[in-house]
Amino acid sequence: MSEPSRHSLANNVDELVRDSKVLRQFKRDSSTKYRQARKDLDDMMKTLDAQSKQDRESVERLWLRIPRLNAAKIQAHANDDLGLCNEIDEELKAIQIQVEELALGINSMERDITEISNLLTEQ
């Protein structure tokens, strides 16, 4: 079972890594299963890389919203609109939480990419 701070593909990565380690014994036979396991690992690395890139872009978009929200909060505060100020504060907190979750996932994906790369190199 993957840890909660890992990305959504973590269980798939764990399964592929486990299968690859089991199939090492077939390396010399050039078995179809072994070749397929290597291909699956390579495909997962590409998937993780694409997901990591997408998550980084999401983080960038979230960060770009902060200055606009801060400007809106200043305007709401100037208009004594405390309700809107509170809504903006909640949205800023939500952005911070999203960014932290995405960052944890990105770091986890990078560790998995490194692990898969090492497996493919040593095989």
PDB file of N, CA and C in Angstrom:
ATOM      1  N   MET A   1       0.857  -1.185   0.000  1.00  0.00           N
ATOM      2  CA  MET A   1       0.000   0.000   0.000  1.00  0.00           C
ATOM      3  C   MET A   1       0.892   1.234   0.000  1.00  0.00           C
ATOM      4  N   SER A   2       0.552   2.173  -0.841  1.00  0.00           N
ATOM      5  CA  SER A   2       1.383   3.367  -0.933  1.00  0.00           C
ATOM      6  C   SER A   2       1.071   4.327   0.203  1.00  0.00           C
ATOM      7  N   GLU A   3       2.061   5.124   0.553  1.00  0.00           N
ATOM      8  CA  GLU A   3       1.883   6.108   1.613  1.00  0.00           C
ATOM      9  C   GLU A   3       1.017   7.250   1.096  1.00  0.00           C
ATOM     10  N   PRO A   4       0.275   7.940   1.979  1.00  0.00           N
ATOM     11  CA  PRO A   4      -0.669   8.966   1.537  1.00  0.00           C
ATOM     12  C   PRO A   4      -0.037  10.130   0.785  1.00  0.00           C
ATOM     13  N   SER A   5       1.218  10.419   1.011  1.00  0.00           N
ATOM     14  CA  SER A   5       1.850  11.565   0.352  1.00  0.00           C
ATOM     15  C   SER A   5       2.345  11.218  -1.051  1.00  0.00           C
ATOM     16  N   ARG A   6       2.152   9.976  -1.471  1.00  0.00           N
ATOM     17  CA  ARG A   6       2.591   9.591  -2.811  1.00  0.00           C
ATOM     18  C   ARG A   6       1.525   9.927  -3.834  1.00  0.00           C
ATOM     19  N   HIS A   7       1.920   9.892  -5.073  1.00  0.00           N
ATOM     20  CA  HIS A   7       1.054  10.257  -6.186  1.00  0.00           C
ATOM     21  C   HIS A   7       0.043   9.156  -6.500  1.00  0.00           C
ATOM     22  N   SER A   8      -0.894   9.460  -7.390  1.00  0.00           N
ATOM     23  CA  SER A   8      -1.988   8.542  -7.700  1.00  0.00           C
ATOM     24  C   SER A   8      -1.536   7.277  -8.433  1.00  0.00           C
ATOM     25  N   LEU A   9      -0.385   7.293  -9.040  1.00  0.00           N
ATOM     26  CA  LEU A   9       0.122   6.125  -9.764  1.00  0.00           C
ATOM     27  C   LEU A   9       1.036   5.253  -8.909  1.00  0.00           C
ATOM     28  N   ALA A  10       1.165   5.577  -7.638  1.00  0.00           N
ATOM     29  CA  ALA A  10       2.129   4.900  -6.768  1.00  0.00           C
ATOM     30  C   ALA A  10       1.892   3.396  -6.685  1.00  0.00           C
ATOM     31  N   ASN A  11       0.645   2.973  -6.553  1.00  0.00           N
ATOM     32  CA  ASN A  11       0.373   1.536  -6.458  1.00  0.00           C
ATOM     33  C   ASN A  11       0.794   0.814  -7.730  1.00  0.00           C
ATOM     34  N   ASN A  12       0.543   1.430  -8.889  1.00  0.00           N
ATOM     35  CA  ASN A  12       0.968   0.833 -10.158  1.00  0.00           C
ATOM     36  C   ASN A  12       2.486   0.730 -10.223  1.00  0.00           C
ATOM     37  N   VAL A  13       3.176   1.770  -9.782  1.00  0.00           N
ATOM     38  CA  VAL A  13       4.642   1.765  -9.775  1.00  0.00           C
ATOM     39  C   VAL A  13       5.144   0.636  -8.886  1.00  0.00           C
ATOM     40  N   ASP A  14       4.598   0.538  -7.684  1.00  0.00           N
ATOM     41  CA  ASP A  14       5.033  -0.508  -6.756  1.00  0.00           C
ATOM     42  C   ASP A  14       4.855  -1.897  -7.363  1.00  0.00           C
ATOM     43  N   GLU A  15       3.719  -2.109  -8.024  1.00  0.00           N
ATOM     44  CA  GLU A  15       3.454  -3.409  -8.637  1.00  0.00           C
ATOM     45  C   GLU A  15       4.438  -3.702  -9.768  1.00  0.00           C
ATOM     46  N   LEU A  16       4.698  -2.714 -10.616  1.00  0.00           N
ATOM     47  CA  LEU A  16       5.636  -2.912 -11.722  1.00  0.00           C
ATOM     48  C   LEU A  16       7.051  -3.170 -11.222  1.00  0.00           C
ATOM     49  N   VAL A  17       7.468  -2.440 -10.203  1.00  0.00           N
ATOM     50  CA  VAL A  17       8.810  -2.633  -9.640  1.00  0.00           C
ATOM     51  C   VAL A  17       8.919  -4.032  -9.042  1.00  0.00           C
ATOM     52  N   ARG A  18       7.902  -4.421  -8.303  1.00  0.00           N
ATOM     53  CA  ARG A  18       7.895  -5.753  -7.685  1.00  0.00           C
ATOM     54  C   ARG A  18       7.963  -6.836  -8.770  1.00  0.00           C
ATOM     55  N   ASP A  19       7.128  -6.705  -9.810  1.00  0.00           N
ATOM     56  CA  ASP A  19       7.134  -7.683 -10.900  1.00  0.00           C
ATOM     57  C   ASP A  19       8.487  -7.728 -11.598  1.00  0.00           C
ATOM     58  N   SER A  20       9.080  -6.567 -11.815  1.00  0.00           N
ATOM     59  CA  SER A  20      10.369  -6.505 -12.492  1.00  0.00           C
ATOM     60  C   SER A  20      11.446  -7.226 -11.694  1.00  0.00           C
ATOM     61  N   LYS A  21      11.430  -7.026 -10.378  1.00  0.00           N
ATOM     62  CA  LYS A  21      12.427  -7.687  -9.531  1.00  0.00           C
ATOM     63  C   LYS A  21      12.249  -9.200  -9.560  1.00  0.00           C
ATOM     64  N   VAL A  22      11.001  -9.655  -9.598  1.00  0.00           N
ATOM     65  CA  VAL A  22      10.727 -11.092  -9.659  1.00  0.00           C
ATOM     66  C   VAL A  22      11.181 -11.661 -11.002  1.00  0.00           C
ATOM     67  N   LEU A  23      10.996 -10.896 -12.061  1.00  0.00           N
ATOM     68  CA  LEU A  23      11.303 -11.388 -13.404  1.00  0.00           C
ATOM     69  C   LEU A  23      12.783 -11.301 -13.776  1.00  0.00           C
ATOM     70  N   ARG A  24      13.602 -10.758 -12.894  1.00  0.00           N
ATOM     71  CA  ARG A  24      15.048 -10.686 -13.185  1.00  0.00           C
ATOM     72  C   ARG A  24      15.636 -12.056 -13.500  1.00  0.00           C
ATOM     73  N   GLN A  25      15.092 -13.073 -12.838  1.00  0.00           N
ATOM     74  CA  GLN A  25      15.625 -14.420 -13.044  1.00  0.00           C
ATOM     75  C   GLN A  25      15.458 -14.888 -14.496  1.00  0.00           C
ATOM     76  N   PHE A  26      14.548 -14.284 -15.230  1.00  0.00           N
ATOM     77  CA  PHE A  26      14.316 -14.684 -16.613  1.00  0.00           C
ATOM     78  C   PHE A  26      15.140 -13.876 -17.609  1.00  0.00           C
ATOM     79  N   LYS A  27      15.954 -12.985 -17.105  1.00  0.00           N
ATOM     80  CA  LYS A  27      16.730 -12.095 -17.974  1.00  0.00           C
ATOM     81  C   LYS A  27      17.552 -12.883 -18.989  1.00  0.00           C
ATOM     82  N   ARG A  28      18.205 -13.897 -18.531  1.00  0.00           N
ATOM     83  CA  ARG A  28      19.095 -14.668 -19.418  1.00  0.00           C
ATOM     84  C   ARG A  28      18.313 -15.401 -20.498  1.00  0.00           C
ATOM     85  N   ASP A  29      17.086 -15.744 -20.179  1.00  0.00           N
ATOM     86  CA  ASP A  29      16.258 -16.459 -21.149  1.00  0.00           C
ATOM     87  C   ASP A  29      15.676 -15.517 -22.194  1.00  0.00           C
ATOM     88  N   SER A  30      15.844 -14.207 -21.975  1.00  0.00           N
ATOM     89  CA  SER A  30      15.223 -13.195 -22.842  1.00  0.00           C
ATOM     90  C   SER A  30      13.735 -13.474 -22.999  1.00  0.00           C
ATOM     91  N   SER A  31      13.136 -13.824 -21.901  1.00  0.00           N
ATOM     92  CA  SER A  31      11.725 -14.200 -21.945  1.00  0.00           C
ATOM     93  C   SER A  31      10.842 -13.025 -22.326  1.00  0.00           C
ATOM     94  N   THR A  32       9.718 -13.357 -22.883  1.00  0.00           N
ATOM     95  CA  THR A  32       8.729 -12.350 -23.258  1.00  0.00           C
ATOM     96  C   THR A  32       8.255 -11.600 -22.029  1.00  0.00           C
ATOM     97  N   LYS A  33       8.079 -12.311 -20.924  1.00  0.00           N
ATOM     98  CA  LYS A  33       7.625 -11.668 -19.683  1.00  0.00           C
ATOM     99  C   LYS A  33       8.643 -10.637 -19.207  1.00  0.00           C
ATOM    100  N   TYR A  34       9.911 -10.981 -19.297  1.00  0.00           N
ATOM    101  CA  TYR A  34      10.961 -10.066 -18.861  1.00  0.00           C
ATOM    102  C   TYR A  34      10.973  -8.815 -19.743  1.00  0.00           C
ATOM    103  N   ARG A  35      10.920  -9.023 -21.058  1.00  0.00           N
ATOM    104  CA  ARG A  35      10.912  -7.879 -21.977  1.00  0.00           C
ATOM    105  C   ARG A  35       9.677  -7.009 -21.754  1.00  0.00           C
ATOM    106  N   GLN A  36       8.542  -7.653 -21.493  1.00  0.00           N
ATOM    107  CA  GLN A  36       7.317  -6.898 -21.246  1.00  0.00           C
ATOM    108  C   GLN A  36       7.428  -6.107 -19.944  1.00  0.00           C
ATOM    109  N   ALA A  37       8.046  -6.702 -18.930  1.00  0.00           N
ATOM    110  CA  ALA A  37       8.224  -5.999 -17.648  1.00  0.00           C
ATOM    111  C   ALA A  37       9.087  -4.754 -17.846  1.00  0.00           C
ATOM    112  N   ARG A  38      10.147  -4.880 -18.625  1.00  0.00           N
ATOM    113  CA  ARG A  38      11.001  -3.715 -18.912  1.00  0.00           C
ATOM    114  C   ARG A  38      10.227  -2.643 -19.680  1.00  0.00           C
ATOM    115  N   LYS A  39       9.431  -3.071 -20.645  1.00  0.00           N
ATOM    116  CA  LYS A  39       8.631  -2.120 -21.419  1.00  0.00           C
ATOM    117  C   LYS A  39       7.613  -1.433 -20.511  1.00  0.00           C
ATOM    118  N   ASP A  40       6.987  -2.199 -19.624  1.00  0.00           N
ATOM    119  CA  ASP A  40       6.012  -1.620 -18.696  1.00  0.00           C
ATOM    120  C   ASP A  40       6.665  -0.579 -17.794  1.00  0.00           C
ATOM    121  N   LEU A  41       7.874  -0.879 -17.320  1.00  0.00           N
ATOM    122  CA  LEU A  41       8.596   0.087 -16.489  1.00  0.00           C
ATOM    123  C   LEU A  41       8.928   1.348 -17.283  1.00  0.00           C
ATOM    124  N   ASP A  42       9.380   1.156 -18.505  1.00  0.00           N
ATOM    125  CA  ASP A  42       9.706   2.304 -19.355  1.00  0.00           C
ATOM    126  C   ASP A  42       8.457   3.152 -19.622  1.00  0.00           C
ATOM    127  N   ASP A  43       7.344   2.487 -19.904  1.00  0.00           N
ATOM    128  CA  ASP A  43       6.085   3.208 -20.129  1.00  0.00           C
ATOM    129  C   ASP A  43       5.652   3.957 -18.873  1.00  0.00           C
ATOM    130  N   MET A  44       5.829   3.337 -17.710  1.00  0.00           N
ATOM    131  CA  MET A  44       5.445   3.992 -16.460  1.00  0.00           C
ATOM    132  C   MET A  44       6.320   5.218 -16.217  1.00  0.00           C
ATOM    133  N   MET A  45       7.608   5.117 -16.541  1.00  0.00           N
ATOM    134  CA  MET A  45       8.491   6.284 -16.395  1.00  0.00           C
ATOM    135  C   MET A  45       7.991   7.438 -17.256  1.00  0.00           C
ATOM    136  N   LYS A  46       7.580   7.140 -18.477  1.00  0.00           N
ATOM    137  CA  LYS A  46       7.050   8.178 -19.364  1.00  0.00           C
ATOM    138  C   LYS A  46       5.757   8.762 -18.801  1.00  0.00           C
ATOM    139  N   THR A  47       4.902   7.903 -18.260  1.00  0.00           N
ATOM    140  CA  THR A  47       3.642   8.362 -17.669  1.00  0.00           C
ATOM    141  C   THR A  47       3.907   9.255 -16.467  1.00  0.00           C
ATOM    142  N   LEU A  48       4.833   8.826 -15.606  1.00  0.00           N
ATOM    143  CA  LEU A  48       5.176   9.623 -14.427  1.00  0.00           C
ATOM    144  C   LEU A  48       5.762  10.972 -14.829  1.00  0.00           C
ATOM    145  N   ASP A  49       6.614  10.959 -15.834  1.00  0.00           N
ATOM    146  CA  ASP A  49       7.217  12.204 -16.305  1.00  0.00           C
ATOM    147  C   ASP A  49       6.143  13.159 -16.830  1.00  0.00           C
ATOM    148  N   ALA A  50       5.198  12.631 -17.600  1.00  0.00           N
ATOM    149  CA  ALA A  50       4.116  13.468 -18.135  1.00  0.00           C
ATOM    150  C   ALA A  50       3.234  14.008 -17.007  1.00  0.00           C
ATOM    151  N   GLN A  51       2.916  13.148 -16.028  1.00  0.00           N
ATOM    152  CA  GLN A  51       2.082  13.586 -14.906  1.00  0.00           C
ATOM    153  C   GLN A  51       2.807  14.631 -14.063  1.00  0.00           C
ATOM    154  N   SER A  52       4.096  14.430 -13.856  1.00  0.00           N
ATOM    155  CA  SER A  52       4.890  15.390 -13.094  1.00  0.00           C
ATOM    156  C   SER A  52       4.892  16.750 -13.792  1.00  0.00           C
ATOM    157  N   LYS A  53       5.049  16.735 -15.104  1.00  0.00           N
ATOM    158  CA  LYS A  53       5.034  17.987 -15.866  1.00  0.00           C
ATOM    159  C   LYS A  53       3.674  18.671 -15.738  1.00  0.00           C
ATOM    160  N   GLN A  54       2.615  17.893 -15.850  1.00  0.00           N
ATOM    161  CA  GLN A  54       1.267  18.448 -15.725  1.00  0.00           C
ATOM    162  C   GLN A  54       1.046  19.035 -14.328  1.00  0.00           C
ATOM    163  N   ASP A  55       1.512  18.334 -13.299  1.00  0.00           N
ATOM    164  CA  ASP A  55       1.357  18.826 -11.928  1.00  0.00           C
ATOM    165  C   ASP A  55       2.165  20.098 -11.699  1.00  0.00           C
ATOM    166  N   ARG A  56       3.351  20.173 -12.287  1.00  0.00           N
ATOM    167  CA  ARG A  56       4.160  21.395 -12.175  1.00  0.00           C
ATOM    168  C   ARG A  56       3.438  22.580 -12.821  1.00  0.00           C
ATOM    169  N   GLU A  57       2.800  22.329 -13.954  1.00  0.00           N
ATOM    170  CA  GLU A  57       2.036  23.389 -14.611  1.00  0.00           C
ATOM    171  C   GLU A  57       0.854  23.820 -13.743  1.00  0.00           C
ATOM    172  N   SER A  58       0.223  22.863 -13.071  1.00  0.00           N
ATOM    173  CA  SER A  58      -0.883  23.191 -12.160  1.00  0.00           C
ATOM    174  C   SER A  58      -0.394  24.050 -11.006  1.00  0.00           C
ATOM    175  N   VAL A  59       0.767  23.707 -10.462  1.00  0.00           N
ATOM    176  CA  VAL A  59       1.346  24.507  -9.376  1.00  0.00           C
ATOM    177  C   VAL A  59       1.607  25.925  -9.864  1.00  0.00           C
ATOM    178  N   GLU A  60       2.149  26.040 -11.062  1.00  0.00           N
ATOM    179  CA  GLU A  60       2.430  27.363 -11.640  1.00  0.00           C
ATOM    180  C   GLU A  60       1.142  28.183 -11.765  1.00  0.00           C
ATOM    181  N   ARG A  61       0.078  27.555 -12.282  1.00  0.00           N
ATOM    182  CA  ARG A  61      -1.202  28.269 -12.421  1.00  0.00           C
ATOM    183  C   ARG A  61      -1.747  28.704 -11.063  1.00  0.00           C
ATOM    184  N   LEU A  62      -1.614  27.828 -10.069  1.00  0.00           N
ATOM    185  CA  LEU A  62      -2.096  28.184  -8.729  1.00  0.00           C
ATOM    186  C   LEU A  62      -1.321  29.374  -8.174  1.00  0.00           C
ATOM    187  N   TRP A  63       0.008  29.347  -8.332  1.00  0.00           N
ATOM    188  CA  TRP A  63       0.823  30.461  -7.835  1.00  0.00           C
ATOM    189  C   TRP A  63       0.455  31.769  -8.525  1.00  0.00           C
ATOM    190  N   LEU A  64       0.101  31.692  -9.805  1.00  0.00           N
ATOM    191  CA  LEU A  64      -0.250  32.903 -10.552  1.00  0.00           C
ATOM    192  C   LEU A  64      -1.579  33.509 -10.091  1.00  0.00           C
ATOM    193  N   ARG A  65      -2.416  32.718  -9.437  1.00  0.00           N
ATOM    194  CA  ARG A  65      -3.694  33.240  -8.935  1.00  0.00           C
ATOM    195  C   ARG A  65      -3.518  34.070  -7.669  1.00  0.00           C
ATOM    196  N   ILE A  66      -2.461  33.826  -6.933  1.00  0.00           N
ATOM    197  CA  ILE A  66      -2.280  34.474  -5.627  1.00  0.00           C
ATOM    198  C   ILE A  66      -2.223  35.997  -5.723  1.00  0.00           C
ATOM    199  N   PRO A  67      -1.430  36.584  -6.620  1.00  0.00           N
ATOM    200  CA  PRO A  67      -1.407  38.057  -6.681  1.00  0.00           C
ATOM    201  C   PRO A  67      -2.784  38.666  -6.978  1.00  0.00           C
ATOM    202  N   ARG A  68      -3.553  38.022  -7.864  1.00  0.00           N
ATOM    203  CA  ARG A  68      -4.896  38.539  -8.169  1.00  0.00           C
ATOM    204  C   ARG A  68      -5.806  38.446  -6.953  1.00  0.00           C
ATOM    205  N   LEU A  69      -5.696  37.343  -6.225  1.00  0.00           N
ATOM    206  CA  LEU A  69      -6.512  37.198  -5.014  1.00  0.00           C
ATOM    207  C   LEU A  69      -6.113  38.221  -3.960  1.00  0.00           C
ATOM    208  N   ASN A  70      -4.820  38.452  -3.823  1.00  0.00           N
ATOM    209  CA  ASN A  70      -4.365  39.459  -2.855  1.00  0.00           C
ATOM    210  C   ASN A  70      -4.866  40.849  -3.231  1.00  0.00           C
ATOM    211  N   ALA A  71      -4.847  41.162  -4.519  1.00  0.00           N
ATOM    212  CA  ALA A  71      -5.360  42.461  -4.970  1.00  0.00           C
ATOM    213  C   ALA A  71      -6.859  42.565  -4.697  1.00  0.00           C
ATOM    214  N   ALA A  72      -7.585  41.477  -4.945  1.00  0.00           N
ATOM    215  CA  ALA A  72      -9.027  41.475  -4.681  1.00  0.00           C
ATOM    216  C   ALA A  72      -9.304  41.608  -3.187  1.00  0.00           C
ATOM    217  N   LYS A  73      -8.450  41.010  -2.371  1.00  0.00           N
ATOM    218  CA  LYS A  73      -8.627  41.106  -0.921  1.00  0.00           C
ATOM    219  C   LYS A  73      -8.401  42.545  -0.448  1.00  0.00           C
ATOM    220  N   ILE A  74      -7.394  43.191  -1.002  1.00  0.00           N
ATOM    221  CA  ILE A  74      -7.134  44.597  -0.648  1.00  0.00           C
ATOM    222  C   ILE A  74      -8.350  45.452  -1.005  1.00  0.00           C
ATOM    223  N   GLN A  75      -8.904  45.213  -2.188  1.00  0.00           N
ATOM    224  CA  GLN A  75     -10.088  45.964  -2.624  1.00  0.00           C
ATOM    225  C   GLN A  75     -11.285  45.662  -1.715  1.00  0.00           C
ATOM    226  N   ALA A  76     -11.482  44.393  -1.386  1.00  0.00           N
ATOM    227  CA  ALA A  76     -12.597  44.016  -0.509  1.00  0.00           C
ATOM    228  C   ALA A  76     -12.427  44.636   0.872  1.00  0.00           C
ATOM    229  N   HIS A  77     -11.197  44.649   1.357  1.00  0.00           N
ATOM    230  CA  HIS A  77     -10.922  45.250   2.666  1.00  0.00           C
ATOM    231  C   HIS A  77     -11.194  46.757   2.630  1.00  0.00           C
ATOM    232  N   ALA A  78     -10.804  47.401   1.539  1.00  0.00           N
ATOM    233  CA  ALA A  78     -11.049  48.840   1.387  1.00  0.00           C
ATOM    234  C   ALA A  78     -12.547  49.141   1.356  1.00  0.00           C
ATOM    235  N   ASN A  79     -13.329  48.185   0.843  1.00  0.00           N
ATOM    236  CA  ASN A  79     -14.784  48.349   0.776  1.00  0.00           C
ATOM    237  C   ASN A  79     -15.480  47.806   2.026  1.00  0.00           C
ATOM    238  N   ASP A  80     -14.701  47.436   3.041  1.00  0.00           N
ATOM    239  CA  ASP A  80     -15.228  46.842   4.281  1.00  0.00           C
ATOM    240  C   ASP A  80     -16.105  45.617   4.018  1.00  0.00           C
ATOM    241  N   ASP A  81     -15.739  44.838   3.020  1.00  0.00           N
ATOM    242  CA  ASP A  81     -16.481  43.617   2.692  1.00  0.00           C
ATOM    243  C   ASP A  81     -15.776  42.427   3.346  1.00  0.00           C
ATOM    244  N   LEU A  82     -16.050  42.244   4.639  1.00  0.00           N
ATOM    245  CA  LEU A  82     -15.377  41.188   5.398  1.00  0.00           C
ATOM    246  C   LEU A  82     -15.752  39.792   4.901  1.00  0.00           C
ATOM    247  N   GLY A  83     -16.961  39.646   4.411  1.00  0.00           N
ATOM    248  CA  GLY A  83     -17.373  38.348   3.864  1.00  0.00           C
ATOM    249  C   GLY A  83     -16.499  37.940   2.694  1.00  0.00           C
ATOM    250  N   LEU A  84     -16.273  38.878   1.789  1.00  0.00           N
ATOM    251  CA  LEU A  84     -15.420  38.601   0.639  1.00  0.00           C
ATOM    252  C   LEU A  84     -13.976  38.368   1.075  1.00  0.00           C
ATOM    253  N   CYS A  85     -13.519  39.143   2.062  1.00  0.00           N
ATOM    254  CA  CYS A  85     -12.159  38.934   2.596  1.00  0.00           C
ATOM    255  C   CYS A  85     -12.009  37.511   3.123  1.00  0.00           C
ATOM    256  N   ASN A  86     -13.018  37.032   3.848  1.00  0.00           N
ATOM    257  CA  ASN A  86     -12.971  35.670   4.392  1.00  0.00           C
ATOM    258  C   ASN A  86     -12.981  34.627   3.274  1.00  0.00           C
ATOM    259  N   GLU A  87     -13.796  34.857   2.237  1.00  0.00           N
ATOM    260  CA  GLU A  87     -13.821  33.934   1.098  1.00  0.00           C
ATOM    261  C   GLU A  87     -12.452  33.869   0.427  1.00  0.00           C
ATOM    262  N   ILE A  88     -11.840  35.019   0.251  1.00  0.00           N
ATOM    263  CA  ILE A  88     -10.518  35.069  -0.387  1.00  0.00           C
ATOM    264  C   ILE A  88      -9.483  34.371   0.486  1.00  0.00           C
ATOM    265  N   ASP A  89      -9.553  34.586   1.803  1.00  0.00           N
ATOM    266  CA  ASP A  89      -8.635  33.891   2.716  1.00  0.00           C
ATOM    267  C   ASP A  89      -8.787  32.379   2.594  1.00  0.00           C
ATOM    268  N   GLU A  90     -10.034  31.908   2.510  1.00  0.00           N
ATOM    269  CA  GLU A  90     -10.276  30.468   2.360  1.00  0.00           C
ATOM    270  C   GLU A  90      -9.709  29.953   1.039  1.00  0.00           C
ATOM    271  N   GLU A  91      -9.874  30.731  -0.017  1.00  0.00           N
ATOM    272  CA  GLU A  91      -9.338  30.322  -1.312  1.00  0.00           C
ATOM    273  C   GLU A  91      -7.810  30.293  -1.287  1.00  0.00           C
ATOM    274  N   LEU A  92      -7.201  31.263  -0.623  1.00  0.00           N
ATOM    275  CA  LEU A  92      -5.738  31.272  -0.490  1.00  0.00           C
ATOM    276  C   LEU A  92      -5.250  30.052   0.287  1.00  0.00           C
ATOM    277  N   LYS A  93      -5.974  29.692   1.348  1.00  0.00           N
ATOM    278  CA  LYS A  93      -5.616  28.489   2.116  1.00  0.00           C
ATOM    279  C   LYS A  93      -5.758  27.243   1.252  1.00  0.00           C
ATOM    280  N   ALA A  94      -6.839  27.179   0.473  1.00  0.00           N
ATOM    281  CA  ALA A  94      -7.057  26.025  -0.401  1.00  0.00           C
ATOM    282  C   ALA A  94      -5.939  25.901  -1.434  1.00  0.00           C
ATOM    283  N   ILE A  95      -5.498  27.036  -1.966  1.00  0.00           N
ATOM    284  CA  ILE A  95      -4.394  27.023  -2.932  1.00  0.00           C
ATOM    285  C   ILE A  95      -3.131  26.488  -2.271  1.00  0.00           C
ATOM    286  N   GLN A  96      -2.854  26.943  -1.060  1.00  0.00           N
ATOM    287  CA  GLN A  96      -1.662  26.479  -0.351  1.00  0.00           C
ATOM    288  C   GLN A  96      -1.719  24.966  -0.141  1.00  0.00           C
ATOM    289  N   ILE A  97      -2.873  24.457   0.245  1.00  0.00           N
ATOM    290  CA  ILE A  97      -3.029  23.014   0.458  1.00  0.00           C
ATOM    291  C   ILE A  97      -2.828  22.258  -0.851  1.00  0.00           C
ATOM    292  N   GLN A  98      -3.444  22.751  -1.936  1.00  0.00           N
ATOM    293  CA  GLN A  98      -3.285  22.103  -3.239  1.00  0.00           C
ATOM    294  C   GLN A  98      -1.826  22.080  -3.677  1.00  0.00           C
ATOM    295  N   VAL A  99      -1.148  23.201  -3.506  1.00  0.00           N
ATOM    296  CA  VAL A  99       0.259  23.281  -3.909  1.00  0.00           C
ATOM    297  C   VAL A  99       1.095  22.291  -3.102  1.00  0.00           C
ATOM    298  N   GLU A 100       0.852  22.212  -1.798  1.00  0.00           N
ATOM    299  CA  GLU A 100       1.605  21.275  -0.958  1.00  0.00           C
ATOM    300  C   GLU A 100       1.347  19.832  -1.378  1.00  0.00           C
ATOM    301  N   GLU A 101       0.082  19.491  -1.661  1.00  0.00           N
ATOM    302  CA  GLU A 101      -0.241  18.129  -2.092  1.00  0.00           C
ATOM    303  C   GLU A 101       0.411  17.807  -3.433  1.00  0.00           C
ATOM    304  N   LEU A 102       0.339  18.747  -4.359  1.00  0.00           N
ATOM    305  CA  LEU A 102       0.975  18.537  -5.660  1.00  0.00           C
ATOM    306  C   LEU A 102       2.488  18.385  -5.515  1.00  0.00           C
ATOM    307  N   ALA A 103       3.092  19.199  -4.659  1.00  0.00           N
ATOM    308  CA  ALA A 103       4.546  19.123  -4.451  1.00  0.00           C
ATOM    309  C   ALA A 103       4.944  17.764  -3.879  1.00  0.00           C
ATOM    310  N   LEU A 104       4.162  17.256  -2.930  1.00  0.00           N
ATOM    311  CA  LEU A 104       4.449  15.929  -2.378  1.00  0.00           C
ATOM    312  C   LEU A 104       4.360  14.868  -3.469  1.00  0.00           C
ATOM    313  N   GLY A 105       3.336  14.967  -4.304  1.00  0.00           N
ATOM    314  CA  GLY A 105       3.185  14.012  -5.400  1.00  0.00           C
ATOM    315  C   GLY A 105       4.323  14.099  -6.397  1.00  0.00           C
ATOM    316  N   ILE A 106       4.725  15.316  -6.729  1.00  0.00           N
ATOM    317  CA  ILE A 106       5.835  15.514  -7.672  1.00  0.00           C
ATOM    318  C   ILE A 106       7.117  14.904  -7.114  1.00  0.00           C
ATOM    319  N   ASN A 107       7.401  15.159  -5.847  1.00  0.00           N
ATOM    320  CA  ASN A 107       8.603  14.587  -5.224  1.00  0.00           C
ATOM    321  C   ASN A 107       8.546  13.066  -5.228  1.00  0.00           C
ATOM    322  N   SER A 108       7.378  12.525  -4.938  1.00  0.00           N
ATOM    323  CA  SER A 108       7.204  11.079  -4.938  1.00  0.00           C
ATOM    324  C   SER A 108       7.418  10.509  -6.341  1.00  0.00           C
ATOM    325  N   MET A 109       6.874  11.182  -7.349  1.00  0.00           N
ATOM    326  CA  MET A 109       7.067  10.722  -8.730  1.00  0.00           C
ATOM    327  C   MET A 109       8.540  10.755  -9.113  1.00  0.00           C
ATOM    328  N   GLU A 110       9.246  11.795  -8.698  1.00  0.00           N
ATOM    329  CA  GLU A 110      10.675  11.885  -9.012  1.00  0.00           C
ATOM    330  C   GLU A 110      11.453  10.734  -8.369  1.00  0.00           C
ATOM    331  N   ARG A 111      11.097  10.386  -7.136  1.00  0.00           N
ATOM    332  CA  ARG A 111      11.755   9.241  -6.484  1.00  0.00           C
ATOM    333  C   ARG A 111      11.459   7.950  -7.245  1.00  0.00           C
ATOM    334  N   ASP A 112      10.205   7.786  -7.671  1.00  0.00           N
ATOM    335  CA  ASP A 112       9.840   6.580  -8.412  1.00  0.00           C
ATOM    336  C   ASP A 112      10.524   6.532  -9.775  1.00  0.00           C
ATOM    337  N   ILE A 113      10.631   7.664 -10.443  1.00  0.00           N
ATOM    338  CA  ILE A 113      11.333   7.708 -11.728  1.00  0.00           C
ATOM    339  C   ILE A 113      12.788   7.289 -11.534  1.00  0.00           C
ATOM    340  N   THR A 114      13.414   7.775 -10.470  1.00  0.00           N
ATOM    341  CA  THR A 114      14.799   7.401 -10.175  1.00  0.00           C
ATOM    342  C   THR A 114      14.904   5.907  -9.893  1.00  0.00           C
ATOM    343  N   GLU A 115      13.972   5.379  -9.101  1.00  0.00           N
ATOM    344  CA  GLU A 115      13.997   3.945  -8.782  1.00  0.00           C
ATOM    345  C   GLU A 115      13.830   3.105 -10.043  1.00  0.00           C
ATOM    346  N   ILE A 116      12.891   3.480 -10.891  1.00  0.00           N
ATOM    347  CA  ILE A 116      12.668   2.733 -12.132  1.00  0.00           C
ATOM    348  C   ILE A 116      13.887   2.845 -13.041  1.00  0.00           C
ATOM    349  N   SER A 117      14.443   4.028 -13.146  1.00  0.00           N
ATOM    350  CA  SER A 117      15.632   4.228 -13.974  1.00  0.00           C
ATOM    351  C   SER A 117      16.779   3.347 -13.491  1.00  0.00           C
ATOM    352  N   ASN A 118      16.967   3.294 -12.179  1.00  0.00           N
ATOM    353  CA  ASN A 118      18.016   2.438 -11.616  1.00  0.00           C
ATOM    354  C   ASN A 118      17.750   0.972 -11.919  1.00  0.00           C
ATOM    355  N   LEU A 119      16.501   0.552 -11.815  1.00  0.00           N
ATOM    356  CA  LEU A 119      16.153  -0.832 -12.135  1.00  0.00           C
ATOM    357  C   LEU A 119      16.461  -1.146 -13.595  1.00  0.00           C
ATOM    358  N   LEU A 120      16.082  -0.253 -14.481  1.00  0.00           N
ATOM    359  CA  LEU A 120      16.319  -0.489 -15.903  1.00  0.00           C
ATOM    360  C   LEU A 120      17.806  -0.490 -16.225  1.00  0.00           C
ATOM    361  N   THR A 121      18.573   0.332 -15.526  1.00  0.00           N
ATOM    362  CA  THR A 121      20.011   0.400 -15.754  1.00  0.00           C
ATOM    363  C   THR A 121      20.710  -0.868 -15.282  1.00  0.00           C
ATOM    364  N   GLU A 122      20.321  -1.358 -14.111  1.00  0.00           N
ATOM    365  CA  GLU A 122      21.002  -2.546 -13.574  1.00  0.00           C
ATOM    366  C   GLU A 122      20.544  -3.829 -14.235  1.00  0.00           C
ATOM    367  N   GLN A 123      19.434  -3.777 -14.924  1.00  0.00           N
ATOM    368  CA  GLN A 123      18.965  -4.983 -15.611  1.00  0.00           C
ATOM    369  C   GLN A 123      19.666  -5.045 -16.926  1.00  0.00           C
TER     370      GLN A 123
END
